Amino acid sequence: KAEVLSDAISQAKDLLQAGYKDPACILARVALEATLKDLADRHNVAQGKLDRMNADLSKAGAYNMAKQKQITAWAEIGNKAAHGDWTQYNEQDAVAMVQGVEALVADLM
């Protein structure tokens, strides 16, 4: 799983470098959700919608409230990308999201 997630993040970084922020955010969102699902399994938390898993994982002690809020922000950017709301975030937001998800995967997987 970690290798697949690493590949997705690598592809997202390549897309960012090529100027494709929107698909990069979609890939990062996929990696984020897959990471939370894996964490849910490890912490005996029910899998479900990303927001619910995020809150439940924080309550279970998988990470702190600050990380929970950051994950919420990344998920929002990923959702905007997936739904075509591309003017609702910028290149810097996309870079921060991809880097943040990459760090999360490295720390927690």
C-alpha atoms as a PDB file:
ATOM      1  CA  LYS A   1       0.000   0.000   0.000  1.00  0.00           C
ATOM      2  CA  ALA A   2       2.748   2.417   0.906  1.00  0.00           C
ATOM      3  CA  GLU A   3       4.374   1.908  -2.495  1.00  0.00           C
ATOM      4  CA  VAL A   4       1.109   2.607  -4.335  1.00  0.00           C
ATOM      5  CA  LEU A   5       0.542   5.727  -2.253  1.00  0.00           C
ATOM      6  CA  SER A   6       4.098   6.839  -2.906  1.00  0.00           C
ATOM      7  CA  ASP A   7       3.519   6.376  -6.644  1.00  0.00           C
ATOM      8  CA  ALA A   8       0.331   8.452  -6.509  1.00  0.00           C
ATOM      9  CA  ILE A   9       2.127  11.244  -4.655  1.00  0.00           C
ATOM     10  CA  SER A  10       5.036  11.069  -7.106  1.00  0.00           C
ATOM     11  CA  GLN A  11       2.628  11.390 -10.013  1.00  0.00           C
ATOM     12  CA  ALA A  12       0.894  14.313  -8.291  1.00  0.00           C
ATOM     13  CA  LYS A  13       4.247  16.065  -7.886  1.00  0.00           C
ATOM     14  CA  ASP A  14       5.061  15.463 -11.563  1.00  0.00           C
ATOM     15  CA  LEU A  15       1.692  16.907 -12.571  1.00  0.00           C
ATOM     16  CA  LEU A  16       2.307  19.983 -10.423  1.00  0.00           C
ATOM     17  CA  GLN A  17       5.686  20.548 -12.052  1.00  0.00           C
ATOM     18  CA  ALA A  18       4.037  20.295 -15.472  1.00  0.00           C
ATOM     19  CA  GLY A  19       1.473  22.931 -14.462  1.00  0.00           C
ATOM     20  CA  TYR A  20      -1.487  20.615 -13.882  1.00  0.00           C
ATOM     21  CA  LYS A  21      -2.620  21.561 -10.383  1.00  0.00           C
ATOM     22  CA  ASP A  22      -6.118  20.117 -10.696  1.00  0.00           C
ATOM     23  CA  PRO A  23      -5.302  16.470 -11.481  1.00  0.00           C
ATOM     24  CA  ALA A  24      -2.451  16.699  -8.970  1.00  0.00           C
ATOM     25  CA  CYS A  25      -4.951  17.587  -6.248  1.00  0.00           C
ATOM     26  CA  ILE A  26      -7.265  14.766  -7.294  1.00  0.00           C
ATOM     27  CA  LEU A  27      -4.427  12.233  -7.020  1.00  0.00           C
ATOM     28  CA  ALA A  28      -3.372  13.651  -3.653  1.00  0.00           C
ATOM     29  CA  ARG A  29      -6.990  13.382  -2.454  1.00  0.00           C
ATOM     30  CA  VAL A  30      -7.055   9.704  -3.474  1.00  0.00           C
ATOM     31  CA  ALA A  31      -3.808   9.102  -1.558  1.00  0.00           C
ATOM     32  CA  LEU A  32      -5.208  10.969   1.453  1.00  0.00           C
ATOM     33  CA  GLU A  33      -8.378   8.895   1.572  1.00  0.00           C
ATOM     34  CA  ALA A  34      -6.476   5.632   1.108  1.00  0.00           C
ATOM     35  CA  THR A  35      -4.173   6.606   3.979  1.00  0.00           C
ATOM     36  CA  LEU A  36      -7.118   7.350   6.259  1.00  0.00           C
ATOM     37  CA  LYS A  37      -8.736   4.021   5.375  1.00  0.00           C
ATOM     38  CA  ASP A  38      -5.547   2.187   6.277  1.00  0.00           C
ATOM     39  CA  LEU A  39      -5.271   4.119   9.534  1.00  0.00           C
ATOM     40  CA  ALA A  40      -8.926   3.358  10.286  1.00  0.00           C
ATOM     41  CA  ASP A  41      -8.211  -0.353   9.981  1.00  0.00           C
ATOM     42  CA  ARG A  42      -5.210  -0.054  12.290  1.00  0.00           C
ATOM     43  CA  HIS A  43      -7.125   1.970  14.915  1.00  0.00           C
ATOM     44  CA  ASN A  44     -10.371  -0.021  14.824  1.00  0.00           C
ATOM     45  CA  VAL A  45     -12.267   2.915  13.325  1.00  0.00           C
ATOM     46  CA  ALA A  46     -15.082   2.321  10.854  1.00  0.00           C
ATOM     47  CA  GLN A  47     -14.298   3.193   7.261  1.00  0.00           C
ATOM     48  CA  GLY A  48     -16.649   5.647   5.634  1.00  0.00           C
ATOM     49  CA  LYS A  49     -16.700   9.182   4.368  1.00  0.00           C
ATOM     50  CA  LEU A  50     -13.379  10.972   4.672  1.00  0.00           C
ATOM     51  CA  ASP A  51     -14.683  13.628   7.088  1.00  0.00           C
ATOM     52  CA  ARG A  52     -16.107  11.011   9.468  1.00  0.00           C
ATOM     53  CA  MET A  53     -12.954   8.879   9.386  1.00  0.00           C
ATOM     54  CA  ASN A  54     -10.857  11.994   9.977  1.00  0.00           C
ATOM     55  CA  ALA A  55     -12.839  12.976  13.068  1.00  0.00           C
ATOM     56  CA  ASP A  56     -12.938   9.404  14.399  1.00  0.00           C
ATOM     57  CA  LEU A  57      -9.189   8.915  13.850  1.00  0.00           C
ATOM     58  CA  SER A  58      -8.425  12.098  15.753  1.00  0.00           C
ATOM     59  CA  LYS A  59     -10.681  10.946  18.615  1.00  0.00           C
ATOM     60  CA  ALA A  60      -8.931   7.557  18.567  1.00  0.00           C
ATOM     61  CA  GLY A  61      -5.553   9.260  18.993  1.00  0.00           C
ATOM     62  CA  ALA A  62      -4.146   8.501  15.534  1.00  0.00           C
ATOM     63  CA  TYR A  63      -3.230  12.198  15.294  1.00  0.00           C
ATOM     64  CA  ASN A  64      -4.018  15.485  17.008  1.00  0.00           C
ATOM     65  CA  MET A  65      -6.711  18.106  16.350  1.00  0.00           C
ATOM     66  CA  ALA A  66      -4.313  20.324  14.381  1.00  0.00           C
ATOM     67  CA  LYS A  67      -3.615  17.466  11.958  1.00  0.00           C
ATOM     68  CA  GLN A  68      -7.343  16.746  11.732  1.00  0.00           C
ATOM     69  CA  LYS A  69      -8.005  20.334  10.661  1.00  0.00           C
ATOM     70  CA  GLN A  70      -5.206  20.192   8.098  1.00  0.00           C
ATOM     71  CA  ILE A  71      -6.606  16.969   6.647  1.00  0.00           C
ATOM     72  CA  THR A  72     -10.016  18.655   6.397  1.00  0.00           C
ATOM     73  CA  ALA A  73      -8.453  21.521   4.442  1.00  0.00           C
ATOM     74  CA  TRP A  74      -6.626  19.143   2.073  1.00  0.00           C
ATOM     75  CA  ALA A  75      -9.812  17.141   1.511  1.00  0.00           C
ATOM     76  CA  GLU A  76     -11.666  20.346   0.643  1.00  0.00           C
ATOM     77  CA  ILE A  77      -9.086  21.258  -2.000  1.00  0.00           C
ATOM     78  CA  GLY A  78      -9.263  17.732  -3.413  1.00  0.00           C
ATOM     79  CA  ASN A  79     -13.054  17.897  -3.532  1.00  0.00           C
ATOM     80  CA  LYS A  80     -12.952  21.243  -5.327  1.00  0.00           C
ATOM     81  CA  ALA A  81     -10.541  19.778  -7.879  1.00  0.00           C
ATOM     82  CA  ALA A  82     -12.690  16.704  -8.430  1.00  0.00           C
ATOM     83  CA  HIS A  83     -15.848  18.790  -8.904  1.00  0.00           C
ATOM     84  CA  GLY A  84     -14.334  21.313 -11.299  1.00  0.00           C
ATOM     85  CA  ASP A  85     -14.222  24.244  -8.854  1.00  0.00           C
ATOM     86  CA  TRP A  86     -10.712  25.040 -10.059  1.00  0.00           C
ATOM     87  CA  THR A  87     -10.838  28.767  -9.301  1.00  0.00           C
ATOM     88  CA  GLN A  88     -11.513  28.065  -5.611  1.00  0.00           C
ATOM     89  CA  TYR A  89      -7.858  27.248  -4.897  1.00  0.00           C
ATOM     90  CA  ASN A  90      -4.545  28.278  -6.407  1.00  0.00           C
ATOM     91  CA  GLU A  91      -1.196  26.777  -7.323  1.00  0.00           C
ATOM     92  CA  GLN A  92       0.230  27.423  -3.841  1.00  0.00           C
ATOM     93  CA  ASP A  93      -2.731  25.630  -2.255  1.00  0.00           C
ATOM     94  CA  ALA A  94      -2.130  22.673  -4.564  1.00  0.00           C
ATOM     95  CA  VAL A  95       1.581  22.539  -3.739  1.00  0.00           C
ATOM     96  CA  ALA A  96       0.865  22.741   0.006  1.00  0.00           C
ATOM     97  CA  MET A  97      -1.717  19.970  -0.294  1.00  0.00           C
ATOM     98  CA  VAL A  98       0.532  17.585  -2.225  1.00  0.00           C
ATOM     99  CA  GLN A  99       3.476  18.230   0.119  1.00  0.00           C
ATOM    100  CA  GLY A 100       1.261  17.849   3.171  1.00  0.00           C
ATOM    101  CA  VAL A 101      -0.285  14.588   2.023  1.00  0.00           C
ATOM    102  CA  GLU A 102       3.181  13.310   1.138  1.00  0.00           C
ATOM    103  CA  ALA A 103       4.392  14.097   4.671  1.00  0.00           C
ATOM    104  CA  LEU A 104       1.289  12.499   6.194  1.00  0.00           C
ATOM    105  CA  VAL A 105       1.801   9.297   4.214  1.00  0.00           C
ATOM    106  CA  ALA A 106       5.488   9.214   5.211  1.00  0.00           C
ATOM    107  CA  ASP A 107       4.685   9.817   8.896  1.00  0.00           C
ATOM    108  CA  LEU A 108       1.722   7.498   9.316  1.00  0.00           C
ATOM    109  CA  MET A 109       2.192   4.646   6.857  1.00  0.00           C
END
